[in-house]
N, C-alpha and C. Protein backbone atom coordinates (compact mmCIF):
# COMPACT_ATOMS: atom_id res chain seq x y z
N UNK A 1 -26.42 2.04 31.00
CA UNK A 1 -25.39 1.64 30.90
C UNK A 1 -25.01 0.58 29.62
N UNK A 2 -25.69 -0.12 29.03
CA UNK A 2 -25.17 -1.06 28.12
C UNK A 2 -25.09 -0.16 26.72
N UNK A 3 -26.13 1.17 26.83
CA UNK A 3 -25.98 1.90 25.16
C UNK A 3 -24.75 2.45 25.54
N UNK A 4 -24.08 2.75 26.34
CA UNK A 4 -22.65 3.68 26.83
C UNK A 4 -21.76 2.85 26.58
N UNK A 5 -21.99 1.33 26.62
CA UNK A 5 -20.68 0.69 26.06
C UNK A 5 -20.51 0.57 25.07
N UNK A 6 -22.01 0.44 24.11
CA UNK A 6 -22.33 -0.11 22.99
C UNK A 6 -21.50 1.53 21.85
N UNK A 7 -21.85 2.52 22.64
CA UNK A 7 -21.27 3.71 21.56
C UNK A 7 -19.74 3.74 21.95
N UNK A 8 -19.10 3.36 23.01
CA UNK A 8 -17.90 3.40 23.14
C UNK A 8 -17.14 2.18 22.08
N UNK A 9 -17.74 1.14 22.30
CA UNK A 9 -17.46 0.15 21.08
C UNK A 9 -17.43 0.41 19.79
N UNK A 10 -18.39 1.74 19.68
CA UNK A 10 -18.35 1.67 17.99
C UNK A 10 -17.08 2.86 17.82
N UNK A 11 -16.96 3.68 18.70
CA UNK A 11 -16.04 4.69 18.54
C UNK A 11 -14.58 4.30 18.32
N UNK A 12 -14.62 2.78 19.35
CA UNK A 12 -13.09 2.36 19.42
C UNK A 12 -12.49 1.98 18.25
N UNK A 13 -13.86 1.39 17.09
CA UNK A 13 -13.47 0.78 15.71
C UNK A 13 -13.20 1.79 14.84
N UNK A 14 -13.63 2.93 15.24
CA UNK A 14 -13.38 4.15 14.16
C UNK A 14 -11.44 4.87 14.78
N UNK A 15 -10.91 4.36 15.49
CA UNK A 15 -10.00 5.20 16.15
C UNK A 15 -8.76 4.80 15.27
N UNK A 16 -8.88 3.53 14.94
CA UNK A 16 -7.67 2.97 13.89
C UNK A 16 -7.80 4.08 12.44
N UNK A 17 -8.72 4.07 11.94
CA UNK A 17 -9.30 4.55 10.48
C UNK A 17 -8.82 5.87 10.94
N UNK A 18 -9.23 6.77 11.93
CA UNK A 18 -8.84 8.26 12.22
C UNK A 18 -7.27 8.72 11.98
N UNK A 19 -6.62 7.14 13.00
CA UNK A 19 -5.03 7.53 13.07
C UNK A 19 -4.76 7.72 11.43
N UNK A 20 -5.16 6.05 11.01
CA UNK A 20 -4.47 5.71 9.21
C UNK A 20 -4.75 7.50 8.66
N UNK A 21 -5.91 8.17 8.66
CA UNK A 21 -6.24 9.18 7.61
C UNK A 21 -5.23 10.24 8.18
N UNK A 22 -5.41 10.64 9.72
CA UNK A 22 -4.30 11.63 10.26
C UNK A 22 -3.16 11.23 9.57
N UNK A 23 -2.42 9.97 9.51
CA UNK A 23 -0.90 9.70 9.19
C UNK A 23 -0.93 9.96 7.78
N UNK A 24 -1.86 9.79 6.85
CA UNK A 24 -1.94 10.02 5.69
C UNK A 24 -1.83 11.24 4.85
N UNK A 25 -2.61 12.06 5.78
CA UNK A 25 -2.70 13.61 5.47
C UNK A 25 -1.48 14.27 6.05
N UNK A 26 -0.52 13.47 6.99
CA UNK A 26 0.53 14.29 7.14
C UNK A 26 1.78 13.90 6.02
N UNK A 27 1.77 12.80 5.80
CA UNK A 27 2.68 12.10 4.42
C UNK A 27 2.41 12.97 3.34
N UNK A 28 0.81 13.03 3.32
CA UNK A 28 0.67 14.15 2.24
C UNK A 28 1.32 15.55 2.21
N UNK A 29 1.17 16.08 3.17
CA UNK A 29 1.75 17.49 3.61
C UNK A 29 3.03 17.14 3.23
N UNK A 30 3.78 16.27 3.80
CA UNK A 30 5.35 16.28 3.80
C UNK A 30 6.02 15.84 2.13
N UNK A 31 4.76 15.27 1.24
CA UNK A 31 4.90 15.11 0.20
C UNK A 31 5.03 16.06 -1.13
N UNK A 32 6.27 15.99 -1.62
CA UNK A 32 6.94 17.05 -2.67
C UNK A 32 5.53 17.52 -3.61
N UNK A 33 5.44 19.20 -3.52
CA UNK A 33 4.52 19.95 -4.19
C UNK A 33 4.50 19.49 -5.69
N UNK A 34 5.31 18.96 -6.29
CA UNK A 34 5.33 18.55 -7.73
C UNK A 34 4.09 17.24 -8.02
N UNK A 35 4.59 16.58 -7.36
CA UNK A 35 3.90 15.02 -7.33
C UNK A 35 2.09 15.32 -7.34
N UNK A 36 1.62 16.10 -6.26
CA UNK A 36 0.63 16.27 -5.75
C UNK A 36 0.12 17.38 -6.64
N UNK A 37 0.76 18.46 -7.41
CA UNK A 37 0.12 19.52 -8.39
C UNK A 37 0.04 18.63 -9.31
N UNK A 38 0.74 17.56 -10.13
CA UNK A 38 0.56 17.11 -11.17
C UNK A 38 -0.40 16.06 -11.35
N UNK A 39 -0.65 15.05 -10.06
CA UNK A 39 -1.89 13.96 -10.29
C UNK A 39 -2.10 13.98 -8.57
N UNK A 40 -3.15 14.93 -7.79
CA UNK A 40 -3.26 14.24 -6.42
C UNK A 40 -3.38 13.12 -5.84
N UNK A 41 -4.42 12.76 -6.82
CA UNK A 41 -4.92 11.15 -6.17
C UNK A 41 -3.45 10.38 -6.61
N UNK A 42 -2.93 10.58 -7.51
CA UNK A 42 -1.35 9.59 -7.36
C UNK A 42 -0.75 9.70 -6.43
N UNK A 43 -0.34 10.91 -6.02
CA UNK A 43 0.53 11.37 -5.11
C UNK A 43 -0.04 10.63 -3.41
N UNK A 44 -1.36 10.53 -3.42
CA UNK A 44 -2.25 10.13 -2.33
C UNK A 44 -2.15 8.60 -2.23
N UNK A 45 -2.13 7.92 -3.41
CA UNK A 45 -1.70 6.60 -3.45
C UNK A 45 -0.58 6.18 -3.12
N UNK A 46 0.69 7.37 -3.49
CA UNK A 46 2.01 7.12 -3.01
C UNK A 46 2.06 6.95 -1.52
N UNK A 47 1.26 8.10 -0.94
CA UNK A 47 1.50 7.95 0.42
C UNK A 47 0.70 6.93 1.20
N UNK A 48 0.11 5.96 0.72
CA UNK A 48 -1.04 4.96 1.11
C UNK A 48 0.17 3.81 0.99
N UNK A 49 0.81 3.46 0.12
CA UNK A 49 1.83 2.77 0.02
C UNK A 49 2.80 2.99 1.22
N UNK A 50 3.42 4.24 1.22
CA UNK A 50 4.16 4.33 2.27
C UNK A 50 3.80 4.04 3.89
N UNK A 51 2.58 4.54 3.97
CA UNK A 51 2.21 4.19 5.14
C UNK A 51 1.99 2.90 5.63
N UNK A 52 1.75 1.99 4.38
CA UNK A 52 1.40 0.85 4.58
C UNK A 52 2.78 -0.16 5.21
N UNK A 53 3.87 0.38 4.99
CA UNK A 53 5.05 0.18 5.86
C UNK A 53 4.95 0.42 7.23
N UNK A 54 3.97 1.17 7.90
CA UNK A 54 4.01 0.95 9.12
C UNK A 54 3.06 0.30 9.79
N UNK A 55 2.36 -0.34 8.66
CA UNK A 55 1.06 -1.37 9.51
C UNK A 55 1.49 -2.87 8.81
N UNK A 56 2.84 -3.25 8.33
CA UNK A 56 2.83 -4.40 7.56
C UNK A 56 4.53 -4.67 8.33
N UNK A 57 4.57 -6.27 8.88
CA UNK A 57 5.81 -6.38 9.43
C UNK A 57 6.48 -7.30 8.42
N UNK A 58 7.90 -7.27 8.08
CA UNK A 58 8.54 -8.14 7.08
C UNK A 58 9.49 -8.66 7.85
N UNK A 59 9.61 -10.36 7.58
CA UNK A 59 11.04 -10.98 8.03
C UNK A 59 12.20 -9.58 8.40
N UNK A 60 12.91 -9.95 9.45
CA UNK A 60 14.34 -9.66 9.93
C UNK A 60 15.03 -9.39 8.60
N UNK A 61 15.75 -8.19 8.39
CA UNK A 61 16.98 -8.22 7.05
C UNK A 61 18.09 -7.76 7.57
N UNK A 62 18.80 -8.26 6.68
CA UNK A 62 20.45 -7.92 7.13
C UNK A 62 20.68 -6.44 7.03
N UNK A 63 21.51 -6.67 8.03
CA UNK A 63 21.65 -4.97 8.34
C UNK A 63 22.12 -4.25 7.76
N UNK A 64 22.04 -2.95 7.24
CA UNK A 64 22.30 -1.99 6.41
C UNK A 64 22.00 -2.25 4.68
N UNK A 65 21.21 -3.08 4.55
CA UNK A 65 19.97 -3.11 3.49
C UNK A 65 18.99 -2.44 3.23
N UNK A 66 18.58 -2.08 1.95
CA UNK A 66 17.94 -0.79 2.01
C UNK A 66 16.38 -1.64 1.84
N UNK A 67 15.23 -0.95 2.17
CA UNK A 67 13.94 -1.33 1.82
C UNK A 67 13.53 -0.65 0.84
N UNK A 68 13.08 -1.81 -0.40
CA UNK A 68 13.32 -1.49 -1.74
C UNK A 68 11.35 -1.59 -2.10
N UNK A 69 11.28 -0.97 -2.73
CA UNK A 69 9.52 -0.78 -3.11
C UNK A 69 9.95 -0.43 -4.60
N UNK A 70 9.26 -1.73 -5.80
CA UNK A 70 9.32 -1.67 -6.58
C UNK A 70 8.03 -1.20 -7.43
N UNK A 71 8.43 -1.12 -8.60
CA UNK A 71 7.07 -0.66 -9.41
C UNK A 71 7.47 -0.85 -11.06
N UNK A 72 6.04 -1.81 -10.97
CA UNK A 72 6.27 -2.38 -12.47
C UNK A 72 4.77 -1.62 -13.25
N UNK A 73 5.28 -1.61 -14.44
CA UNK A 73 4.46 -0.80 -15.51
C UNK A 73 3.53 0.69 -14.96
N UNK A 74 4.36 1.33 -14.28
CA UNK A 74 3.63 2.57 -14.10
C UNK A 74 4.43 3.59 -13.70
N UNK A 75 5.04 4.31 -14.78
CA UNK A 75 6.07 5.25 -14.28
C UNK A 75 5.76 6.22 -13.55
N UNK A 76 4.43 6.93 -13.66
CA UNK A 76 3.97 8.16 -12.89
C UNK A 76 4.00 7.40 -10.95
N UNK A 77 3.37 6.33 -10.92
CA UNK A 77 3.68 5.91 -9.75
C UNK A 77 5.19 5.89 -9.22
N UNK A 78 6.15 5.26 -10.19
CA UNK A 78 7.43 4.93 -9.78
C UNK A 78 7.99 6.37 -9.10
N UNK A 79 7.50 7.86 -10.23
CA UNK A 79 7.83 9.08 -9.83
C UNK A 79 7.42 9.55 -7.78
N UNK A 80 5.97 9.47 -8.35
CA UNK A 80 5.56 9.95 -6.88
C UNK A 80 6.17 9.26 -5.80
N UNK A 81 6.17 7.49 -5.82
CA UNK A 81 6.59 7.46 -5.08
C UNK A 81 8.23 7.49 -4.52
N UNK A 82 9.47 7.84 -5.89
CA UNK A 82 10.62 8.23 -5.57
C UNK A 82 10.67 9.83 -4.92
N UNK A 83 9.75 10.88 -5.38
CA UNK A 83 9.92 12.03 -4.76
C UNK A 83 9.07 11.89 -3.11
N UNK A 84 8.29 11.01 -2.98
CA UNK A 84 7.87 11.29 -1.46
C UNK A 84 9.02 10.39 -0.76
N UNK A 85 9.54 9.47 -1.00
CA UNK A 85 10.71 9.00 -0.30
C UNK A 85 11.88 9.68 -0.04
N UNK A 86 12.12 10.54 -1.03
CA UNK A 86 13.53 11.24 -1.38
C UNK A 86 14.16 11.76 -0.60
N UNK A 87 13.46 12.36 0.81
CA UNK A 87 14.38 12.88 1.99
C UNK A 87 14.83 11.84 2.52
N UNK A 88 15.28 10.36 2.36
CA UNK A 88 16.00 9.14 2.96
C UNK A 88 14.80 9.17 4.08
N UNK A 89 13.63 8.88 3.36
CA UNK A 89 12.82 8.07 4.67
C UNK A 89 13.35 6.70 5.06
N UNK A 90 12.65 6.30 6.10
CA UNK A 90 13.06 4.69 6.48
C UNK A 90 12.02 3.78 6.76
N UNK A 91 11.93 2.77 6.63
CA UNK A 91 11.53 1.81 7.35
C UNK A 91 12.24 1.18 8.60
N UNK A 92 11.68 1.06 9.78
CA UNK A 92 12.59 1.16 10.65
C UNK A 92 14.16 1.69 10.93
N UNK A 93 15.05 0.83 10.60
CA UNK A 93 16.54 1.35 10.35
C UNK A 93 17.00 1.59 8.47
N UNK A 94 15.85 0.79 7.74
CA UNK A 94 16.31 0.92 6.57
C UNK A 94 15.99 1.98 5.88
N UNK A 95 16.75 2.31 4.93
CA UNK A 95 16.22 3.57 4.04
C UNK A 95 15.78 2.96 2.81
N UNK A 96 14.65 3.92 2.89
CA UNK A 96 14.10 3.22 1.51
C UNK A 96 14.23 3.68 0.04
N UNK A 97 14.27 2.54 -0.80
CA UNK A 97 14.25 2.74 -2.44
C UNK A 97 13.66 2.73 -3.30
N UNK A 98 13.48 3.09 -4.25
CA UNK A 98 12.45 2.91 -5.52
C UNK A 98 12.94 2.57 -6.38
N UNK A 99 12.34 1.23 -7.40
CA UNK A 99 13.49 0.94 -8.19
C UNK A 99 11.66 0.66 -9.39
N UNK A 100 12.37 0.72 -10.42
CA UNK A 100 11.28 0.54 -11.59
C UNK A 100 11.91 -0.72 -11.97
N UNK A 101 10.60 -1.93 -12.79
CA UNK A 101 11.01 -3.20 -13.06
C UNK A 101 10.51 -2.87 -14.50
N UNK A 102 11.15 -3.76 -15.53
CA UNK A 102 10.61 -4.31 -17.07
C UNK A 102 9.69 -5.25 -16.58
N UNK A 103 10.23 -6.36 -16.08
CA UNK A 103 9.48 -7.43 -16.22
C UNK A 103 9.85 -8.38 -14.90
N UNK A 104 9.28 -9.31 -14.85
CA UNK A 104 9.36 -10.67 -13.23
C UNK A 104 10.66 -11.04 -13.06
N UNK A 105 11.61 -10.43 -13.79
CA UNK A 105 13.00 -10.89 -13.64
C UNK A 105 13.47 -10.38 -12.18
N UNK A 106 13.27 -8.85 -12.19
CA UNK A 106 13.95 -8.23 -11.36
C UNK A 106 13.54 -7.87 -10.24
N UNK A 107 12.64 -8.84 -9.61
CA UNK A 107 11.44 -8.76 -8.39
C UNK A 107 12.25 -8.68 -7.11
N UNK A 108 13.40 -9.77 -7.42
CA UNK A 108 14.15 -10.37 -6.21
C UNK A 108 14.39 -8.84 -5.52
N UNK A 109 14.51 -9.18 -4.29
CA UNK A 109 15.07 -7.92 -3.15
C UNK A 109 13.52 -6.61 -3.49
N UNK A 110 12.75 -6.87 -3.56
CA UNK A 110 11.71 -5.78 -3.39
C UNK A 110 10.70 -6.50 -2.39
N UNK A 111 10.47 -5.39 -1.18
CA UNK A 111 9.60 -5.84 -0.06
C UNK A 111 8.05 -5.23 -0.54
N UNK A 112 7.96 -4.31 -1.20
CA UNK A 112 6.83 -4.24 -1.59
C UNK A 112 6.71 -3.81 -3.55
N UNK A 113 6.09 -4.40 -4.31
CA UNK A 113 5.47 -4.32 -5.50
C UNK A 113 4.16 -4.06 -5.79
N UNK A 114 4.48 -2.94 -6.41
CA UNK A 114 3.05 -2.09 -6.97
C UNK A 114 3.18 -2.37 -8.69
N UNK A 115 1.95 -2.89 -8.84
CA UNK A 115 1.57 -3.38 -10.26
C UNK A 115 0.93 -2.51 -10.98
N UNK A 116 1.42 -2.07 -12.11
CA UNK A 116 0.45 -0.81 -12.51
C UNK A 116 -0.15 -1.70 -13.61
N UNK A 117 -1.70 -1.17 -13.79
CA UNK A 117 -2.65 -1.48 -14.80
C UNK A 117 -1.98 -2.51 -16.24
N UNK A 118 -0.53 -1.85 -17.11
CA UNK A 118 -0.36 -2.17 -17.82
C UNK A 118 0.18 -3.70 -18.11
N UNK A 119 0.63 -4.03 -16.24
CA UNK A 119 0.96 -5.25 -16.33
C UNK A 119 -0.10 -6.33 -15.92
N UNK A 120 -1.35 -5.97 -16.34
CA UNK A 120 -2.58 -6.91 -15.87
C UNK A 120 -2.29 -8.42 -16.12
N UNK A 121 -1.54 -8.45 -17.66
CA UNK A 121 -1.54 -9.72 -18.27
C UNK A 121 -0.38 -10.73 -17.55
N UNK A 122 0.43 -9.86 -16.83
CA UNK A 122 1.63 -10.50 -16.28
C UNK A 122 0.95 -10.95 -14.91
N UNK A 123 -0.08 -10.74 -14.61
CA UNK A 123 -0.21 -10.88 -13.16
C UNK A 123 0.03 -12.19 -12.56
N UNK A 124 -0.69 -13.39 -13.10
CA UNK A 124 -0.21 -14.61 -13.03
C UNK A 124 1.26 -14.78 -12.47
N UNK A 125 2.05 -14.52 -13.67
CA UNK A 125 3.58 -14.96 -13.30
C UNK A 125 4.01 -14.06 -12.41
N UNK A 126 3.73 -12.99 -12.15
CA UNK A 126 4.24 -12.19 -10.97
C UNK A 126 3.80 -12.69 -9.69
N UNK A 127 2.48 -12.89 -9.44
CA UNK A 127 1.99 -13.68 -8.09
C UNK A 127 2.62 -15.10 -7.83
N UNK A 128 3.05 -15.98 -9.12
CA UNK A 128 3.76 -16.94 -9.32
C UNK A 128 5.41 -16.96 -8.66
N UNK A 129 5.57 -16.07 -9.21
CA UNK A 129 7.07 -15.82 -9.11
C UNK A 129 7.80 -15.31 -7.58
N UNK A 130 6.58 -14.55 -6.87
CA UNK A 130 6.84 -13.76 -5.96
C UNK A 130 6.19 -14.84 -4.58
N UNK A 131 5.54 -15.68 -5.01
CA UNK A 131 4.46 -16.60 -4.00
C UNK A 131 6.01 -17.41 -3.11
N UNK A 132 5.67 -16.94 -1.75
CA UNK A 132 6.31 -17.58 -0.79
C UNK A 132 7.19 -16.95 -0.34
N UNK A 133 7.71 -15.49 -1.02
CA UNK A 133 8.33 -14.65 -0.50
C UNK A 133 7.71 -13.54 0.17
N UNK A 134 8.69 -12.69 0.93
CA UNK A 134 8.12 -11.57 1.50
C UNK A 134 7.92 -10.11 1.05
N UNK A 135 6.59 -10.19 -0.20
CA UNK A 135 6.98 -9.15 -1.15
C UNK A 135 5.18 -8.97 -0.67
N UNK A 136 5.10 -7.64 -0.37
CA UNK A 136 3.83 -7.01 -0.79
C UNK A 136 3.10 -6.70 -1.91
N UNK A 137 2.30 -7.45 -2.68
CA UNK A 137 1.93 -7.06 -3.74
C UNK A 137 0.71 -5.99 -3.60
N UNK A 138 0.69 -4.71 -4.25
CA UNK A 138 -0.11 -3.75 -4.48
C UNK A 138 -0.37 -3.36 -5.55
N UNK A 139 -1.57 -2.76 -6.22
CA UNK A 139 -2.10 -2.32 -7.36
C UNK A 139 -3.04 -1.47 -7.42
N UNK A 140 -3.82 -0.49 -8.35
CA UNK A 140 -4.77 -0.08 -8.13
C UNK A 140 -5.76 -0.23 -9.56
N UNK A 141 -5.70 -1.38 -10.14
CA UNK A 141 -6.49 -2.00 -10.78
C UNK A 141 -7.71 -2.91 -10.49
N UNK A 142 -9.14 -2.30 -10.96
CA UNK A 142 -10.31 -3.05 -10.54
C UNK A 142 -10.23 -4.81 -10.57
N UNK A 143 -10.23 -5.63 -9.66
CA UNK A 143 -10.39 -6.93 -9.88
C UNK A 143 -8.81 -7.41 -9.29
N UNK A 144 -7.67 -6.54 -9.15
CA UNK A 144 -6.14 -7.13 -8.76
C UNK A 144 -6.42 -8.00 -7.50
N UNK A 145 -7.29 -7.36 -6.47
CA UNK A 145 -7.21 -8.05 -5.24
C UNK A 145 -7.43 -9.75 -5.35
N UNK A 146 -8.45 -9.85 -6.12
CA UNK A 146 -9.03 -11.47 -6.25
C UNK A 146 -7.68 -12.14 -6.89
N UNK A 147 -7.09 -11.44 -7.45
CA UNK A 147 -5.88 -12.29 -8.56
C UNK A 147 -4.61 -12.31 -8.04
N UNK A 148 -4.43 -12.28 -6.61
CA UNK A 148 -3.15 -12.62 -6.20
C UNK A 148 -2.35 -11.28 -5.72
N UNK A 149 -3.18 -10.17 -5.82
CA UNK A 149 -2.40 -8.83 -5.35
C UNK A 149 -3.30 -8.82 -4.09
N UNK A 150 -2.33 -8.13 -2.73
CA UNK A 150 -2.70 -8.07 -1.32
C UNK A 150 -3.45 -7.14 -1.10
N UNK A 151 -3.33 -5.69 -1.92
CA UNK A 151 -3.59 -4.88 -1.30
C UNK A 151 -3.90 -3.94 -2.83
N UNK A 152 -5.29 -3.96 -2.91
CA UNK A 152 -5.89 -3.37 -4.22
C UNK A 152 -6.40 -2.07 -3.81
N UNK A 153 -5.84 -0.78 -4.09
CA UNK A 153 -6.17 1.00 -3.57
C UNK A 153 -7.33 1.13 -4.73
N UNK A 154 -8.36 1.85 -4.32
CA UNK A 154 -9.62 2.29 -5.27
C UNK A 154 -10.10 3.34 -4.68
N UNK A 155 -10.79 4.25 -5.75
CA UNK A 155 -11.36 5.36 -5.39
C UNK A 155 -13.20 5.44 -5.05
N UNK A 156 -13.43 6.12 -4.42
CA UNK A 156 -14.94 5.86 -4.04
C UNK A 156 -15.72 7.35 -4.21
N UNK A 157 -16.50 7.26 -4.42
CA UNK A 157 -17.57 9.03 -4.81
C UNK A 157 -17.89 8.91 -3.33
N UNK A 158 -18.20 10.20 -2.63
CA UNK A 158 -19.29 9.93 -1.50
C UNK A 158 -20.64 9.99 -2.22
N UNK A 159 -21.87 9.72 -1.63
CA UNK A 159 -23.28 9.56 -1.98
C UNK A 159 -23.64 10.47 -2.78
N UNK A 160 -22.85 11.78 -2.59
CA UNK A 160 -23.32 13.01 -3.89
C UNK A 160 -22.20 13.13 -4.84
N UNK A 161 -21.88 12.18 -5.10
CA UNK A 161 -20.53 12.15 -5.99
C UNK A 161 -19.88 13.74 -6.17
N UNK A 162 -19.48 14.30 -5.01
CA UNK A 162 -18.94 15.17 -4.99
C UNK A 162 -17.36 15.54 -4.65
N UNK A 163 -16.87 14.57 -3.59
CA UNK A 163 -15.57 14.05 -3.29
C UNK A 163 -15.39 12.59 -3.44
N UNK A 164 -13.89 12.38 -3.48
CA UNK A 164 -13.71 11.33 -4.34
C UNK A 164 -12.70 10.53 -2.86
N UNK A 165 -12.80 9.23 -1.92
CA UNK A 165 -12.21 8.98 -1.22
C UNK A 165 -11.19 7.80 -1.62
N UNK A 166 -9.84 7.72 -0.88
CA UNK A 166 -8.91 6.65 -1.50
C UNK A 166 -9.73 5.59 -0.50
N UNK A 167 -9.69 4.51 -1.20
CA UNK A 167 -9.66 3.16 -0.13
C UNK A 167 -8.83 2.02 -0.37
N UNK A 168 -9.30 1.02 0.14
CA UNK A 168 -8.20 -0.36 -0.19
C UNK A 168 -8.81 -1.68 0.20
N UNK A 169 -8.55 -2.52 -0.42
CA UNK A 169 -8.79 -3.59 -0.28
C UNK A 169 -7.79 -4.55 -0.16
N UNK A 170 -7.88 -5.51 0.78
CA UNK A 170 -6.97 -6.79 1.30
C UNK A 170 -7.60 -7.93 1.25
N UNK A 171 -6.71 -8.75 0.09
CA UNK A 171 -7.00 -10.11 0.27
C UNK A 171 -5.92 -11.12 0.73
N UNK A 172 -6.38 -11.42 2.19
CA UNK A 172 -6.16 -12.32 3.24
C UNK A 172 -5.21 -13.54 1.99
N UNK A 173 -6.11 -13.91 1.37
CA UNK A 173 -5.63 -15.28 0.73
C UNK A 173 -4.01 -15.00 0.09
N UNK A 174 -4.11 -13.59 -0.70
CA UNK A 174 -2.46 -13.36 -1.41
C UNK A 174 -1.55 -13.25 -0.13
N UNK A 175 -1.86 -12.78 0.79
CA UNK A 175 -0.75 -12.97 1.98
C UNK A 175 -0.27 -14.14 2.27
N UNK A 176 -1.04 -15.41 2.64
CA UNK A 176 -0.68 -16.34 2.98
C UNK A 176 0.81 -17.06 2.04
N UNK A 177 1.33 -17.52 3.62
CA UNK A 177 2.83 -18.32 3.02
C UNK A 177 3.68 -17.01 2.27
N UNK A 178 3.57 -15.63 2.63
CA UNK A 178 4.53 -14.87 2.48
C UNK A 178 5.58 -14.04 3.73
N UNK A 179 5.07 -14.55 4.83
CA UNK A 179 5.90 -13.82 6.28
C UNK A 179 5.94 -12.72 6.63
N UNK A 180 4.82 -12.11 6.15
CA UNK A 180 4.48 -11.06 6.35
C UNK A 180 3.13 -11.03 7.46
N UNK A 181 3.44 -9.54 8.42
CA UNK A 181 2.38 -9.80 9.29
C UNK A 181 1.48 -8.00 8.96
N UNK A 182 -0.09 -8.53 8.75
CA UNK A 182 -0.60 -7.01 8.77
C UNK A 182 -1.09 -6.93 9.96
N UNK A 183 -1.21 -5.69 10.36
CA UNK A 183 -1.59 -5.09 11.67
C UNK A 183 -3.41 -5.35 11.31
N UNK A 184 -3.85 -5.35 12.56
CA UNK A 184 -5.53 -5.56 12.72
C UNK A 184 -5.73 -4.32 12.48
N UNK A 185 -5.05 -3.07 12.97
CA UNK A 185 -5.73 -2.08 12.49
C UNK A 185 -6.03 -1.58 10.60
N UNK A 186 -4.92 -2.13 9.91
CA UNK A 186 -5.19 -1.93 9.14
C UNK A 186 -6.10 -3.06 8.02
N UNK A 187 -6.63 -3.83 8.76
CA UNK A 187 -7.68 -4.62 8.50
C UNK A 187 -8.99 -4.00 8.55
N UNK A 188 -9.22 -3.55 9.84
CA UNK A 188 -9.93 -2.45 10.34
C UNK A 188 -10.25 -1.61 9.70
N UNK A 189 -9.63 -0.75 8.76
CA UNK A 189 -10.18 0.38 7.89
C UNK A 189 -10.26 0.01 6.46
N UNK A 190 -10.04 -1.54 6.22
CA UNK A 190 -10.29 -1.72 4.53
C UNK A 190 -11.19 -2.63 4.16
N UNK A 191 -11.77 -2.80 3.17
CA UNK A 191 -12.63 -3.79 2.70
C UNK A 191 -11.86 -5.07 2.81
N UNK A 192 -12.34 -5.98 3.03
CA UNK A 192 -11.58 -7.73 3.24
C UNK A 192 -11.90 -8.20 1.94
N UNK A 193 -11.55 -8.81 1.25
CA UNK A 193 -11.77 -9.70 0.33
C UNK A 193 -12.13 -11.00 0.54
N UNK A 194 -13.30 -11.68 0.26
CA UNK A 194 -13.63 -12.94 1.04
C UNK A 194 -13.37 -14.40 -0.11
């Protein structure tokens, strides 16, 4: 009997991962073909960012205001997110809007801010400017998770180096004081930065 309970516990841990992968696959299938054909990994990253909205709770917003995903220093990601959210996708009752940013001054009103590699030199200013605000900082540049970015997307090859999987790290310190609640399911499938 103890072995059965142990197996069930281990299987239970992978249910959130399977659900996240299934939801991401569905989001990718629904993504426009042009983004996936141009850069499939970029389209998958956009799908992950969109799915994060299902696993993070933001403070209540004024009725009728859009949910804004901002992108800094990565026009390709901005285009992929815009295509993915184009058919009026929503977070709760809020319509998603994608907006490009040239600098830290335009960050007000962003719920998610994707930071491209070209903005690495401004990462400190971005973290300071968004401190205490309900903004989820996301990036795909190695090392961003330890420098103020809450979620870092990264690709990882399988042991045979034949397939690449998209994974992500969560930095709990970068989430403190932002008023965001991250689901335990997201932590279960992430690599957590200590």
